Amino acid sequence: MRYELTIGTPDALCIHCADPRFQTAFRRFIREELGVKMPMVIALPGVTSHFGMSAALPKNWAAMKNHIRTMTERHDVTRVILINHDDCKGYAKVASHFGGLAKLGNAQRKHIHGLAEFIRKEFLPGAQFELYQARIVNGVEVEFEKIA
């Protein structure tokens, strides 16, 4: 079996969690709702925690920075989409570093804003940034909330 190779220029850098429960929702949201035709995707467990926990987990942050650098050196996209999600197991694993699960939501918001600012400053100063939280609805669906 053969599959189509997409030819063209990426129109967005999309960074989100690797949690398999959310992958279909992430792909559909990025393509159908946000209109991204050719996303450059970085998917890592607890994705924005790599930025927020850089002092405690420097190897994770170094790896993530390298992924971002690799993507942005090849393509100077003008749009960056960052997505966190509810019930993140990657964040739960490091929750003790930022005050426990009760503070997870605040940590995610702080980290997603911090990561956006870092990418803007270091790699894509002219890009438009869009930040989202994927919410679990009734335990079986996902909806996306734009973060201001």
Protein backbone atom coordinates (compact mmCIF):
# COMPACT_ATOMS: atom_id res chain seq x y z
CA MET A 1 0.00 0.00 0.00
CA ARG A 2 1.19 3.51 -0.78
CA TYR A 3 0.22 6.78 0.84
CA GLU A 4 0.29 10.34 -0.42
CA LEU A 5 3.36 12.44 0.35
CA THR A 6 2.37 16.00 1.21
CA ILE A 7 4.36 18.53 -0.78
CA GLY A 8 4.40 22.19 0.15
CA THR A 9 5.35 24.65 2.83
CA PRO A 10 4.25 24.18 6.44
CA ASP A 11 1.79 26.83 7.59
CA ALA A 12 2.02 26.34 11.37
CA LEU A 13 4.13 24.92 14.15
CA CYS A 14 1.78 22.90 16.36
CA ILE A 15 2.98 21.73 19.75
CA HIS A 16 0.77 19.48 21.86
CA CYS A 17 0.81 16.47 24.16
CA ALA A 18 1.41 12.93 22.88
CA ASP A 19 -1.47 11.44 24.91
CA PRO A 20 -3.09 8.96 22.48
CA ARG A 21 -6.60 9.74 23.77
CA PHE A 22 -6.39 13.23 22.25
CA GLN A 23 -4.59 12.67 18.94
CA THR A 24 -7.66 12.42 16.72
CA ALA A 25 -9.19 15.50 18.34
CA PHE A 26 -5.92 17.45 18.03
CA ARG A 27 -5.52 16.58 14.33
CA ARG A 28 -9.12 17.39 13.46
CA PHE A 29 -9.13 20.65 15.45
CA ILE A 30 -5.89 21.85 13.86
CA ARG A 31 -7.00 21.02 10.32
CA GLU A 32 -10.77 21.53 10.38
CA GLU A 33 -11.31 24.36 12.86
CA LEU A 34 -8.02 26.22 12.60
CA GLY A 35 -7.58 25.62 8.86
CA VAL A 36 -3.96 24.48 9.03
CA LYS A 37 -3.10 22.63 5.82
CA MET A 38 0.43 21.41 6.58
CA PRO A 39 1.26 21.46 10.30
CA MET A 40 4.74 20.88 11.71
CA VAL A 41 3.87 18.86 14.81
CA ILE A 42 5.84 18.34 17.99
CA ALA A 43 4.00 15.93 20.30
CA LEU A 44 5.55 15.12 23.68
CA PRO A 45 4.02 13.82 26.93
CA GLY A 46 3.17 16.74 29.24
CA VAL A 47 4.38 19.03 26.50
CA THR A 48 4.46 22.48 28.13
CA SER A 49 5.73 20.99 31.40
CA HIS A 50 9.10 20.60 29.65
CA PHE A 51 9.36 24.40 29.64
CA GLY A 52 7.87 24.89 33.11
CA MET A 53 10.01 22.22 34.72
CA SER A 54 13.26 23.13 32.94
CA ALA A 55 15.22 23.55 36.18
CA ALA A 56 14.02 20.24 37.66
CA LEU A 57 14.10 18.27 34.39
CA PRO A 58 16.77 19.93 32.23
CA LYS A 59 17.18 17.01 29.81
CA ASN A 60 13.50 17.12 28.87
CA TRP A 61 13.72 20.85 28.22
CA ALA A 62 16.96 20.49 26.22
CA ALA A 63 15.33 17.85 24.01
CA MET A 64 12.24 20.00 23.45
CA LYS A 65 14.32 23.06 22.57
CA ASN A 66 16.21 20.96 20.04
CA HIS A 67 12.94 19.81 18.46
CA ILE A 68 11.73 23.40 18.20
CA ARG A 69 15.07 24.57 16.81
CA THR A 70 15.10 21.81 14.18
CA MET A 71 11.59 22.66 13.03
CA THR A 72 12.06 26.43 12.96
CA GLU A 73 15.47 26.37 11.24
CA ARG A 74 13.92 24.64 8.24
CA HIS A 75 10.68 26.63 8.09
CA ASP A 76 9.98 30.18 9.25
CA VAL A 77 6.27 29.73 9.92
CA THR A 78 4.13 32.69 10.91
CA ARG A 79 1.71 30.75 13.11
CA VAL A 80 2.33 28.78 16.31
CA ILE A 81 -0.38 26.71 17.99
CA LEU A 82 0.17 25.39 21.52
CA ILE A 83 -2.31 23.00 23.13
CA ASN A 84 -2.51 21.63 26.68
CA HIS A 85 -5.26 19.28 27.81
CA ASP A 86 -7.26 18.14 30.82
CA ASP A 87 -6.21 15.00 32.71
CA CYS A 88 -2.62 15.18 31.46
CA LYS A 89 -0.68 12.18 32.76
CA GLY A 90 2.64 13.86 31.92
CA TYR A 91 1.75 16.79 34.16
CA ALA A 92 0.42 14.47 36.87
CA LYS A 93 3.81 12.74 36.94
CA VAL A 94 5.60 16.00 37.83
CA ALA A 95 2.82 17.63 39.89
CA SER A 96 4.85 17.49 43.11
CA HIS A 97 7.30 19.99 41.58
CA PHE A 98 4.65 22.74 41.37
CA GLY A 99 2.52 22.13 44.46
CA GLY A 100 0.43 19.07 43.57
CA LEU A 101 -2.52 18.19 41.36
CA ALA A 102 -4.68 20.98 42.80
CA LYS A 103 -2.36 23.51 41.14
CA LEU A 104 -2.13 21.68 37.80
CA GLY A 105 -4.43 24.07 35.90
CA ASN A 106 -2.50 27.13 37.05
CA ALA A 107 0.80 25.47 36.18
CA GLN A 108 -0.43 24.56 32.70
CA ARG A 109 -1.55 28.14 32.00
CA LYS A 110 1.71 29.59 33.30
CA HIS A 111 3.80 27.12 31.30
CA ILE A 112 1.90 27.50 28.01
CA HIS A 113 2.29 31.30 28.18
CA GLY A 114 5.96 30.95 29.11
CA LEU A 115 6.64 28.53 26.27
CA ALA A 116 4.91 30.84 23.79
CA GLU A 117 7.02 33.77 24.92
CA PHE A 118 10.21 31.69 24.73
CA ILE A 119 9.47 30.55 21.17
CA ARG A 120 8.61 34.12 20.15
CA LYS A 121 11.84 35.50 21.61
CA GLU A 122 14.24 32.74 20.54
CA PHE A 123 12.87 31.34 17.29
CA LEU A 124 9.84 33.02 15.70
CA PRO A 125 9.61 36.71 16.66
CA GLY A 126 7.12 37.52 13.90
CA ALA A 127 4.74 34.62 14.47
CA GLN A 128 1.13 34.76 15.62
CA PHE A 129 0.55 32.58 18.70
CA GLU A 130 -2.64 30.69 19.53
CA LEU A 131 -2.98 28.92 22.88
CA TYR A 132 -5.64 26.33 23.70
CA GLN A 133 -6.77 24.00 26.46
CA ALA A 134 -8.44 20.78 25.30
CA ARG A 135 -11.29 20.06 27.71
CA ILE A 136 -12.81 16.64 28.31
CA VAL A 137 -16.62 16.84 28.01
CA ASN A 138 -18.81 14.17 29.61
CA GLY A 139 -15.84 11.81 29.66
CA VAL A 140 -16.12 11.02 25.94
CA GLU A 141 -15.60 14.19 23.90
CA VAL A 142 -13.05 16.96 23.58
CA GLU A 143 -13.66 20.67 23.06
CA PHE A 144 -11.05 23.38 22.73
CA GLU A 145 -10.97 26.56 24.78
CA LYS A 146 -8.86 29.48 23.58
CA ILE A 147 -6.54 30.78 26.30
CA ALA A 148 -6.11 34.55 26.47
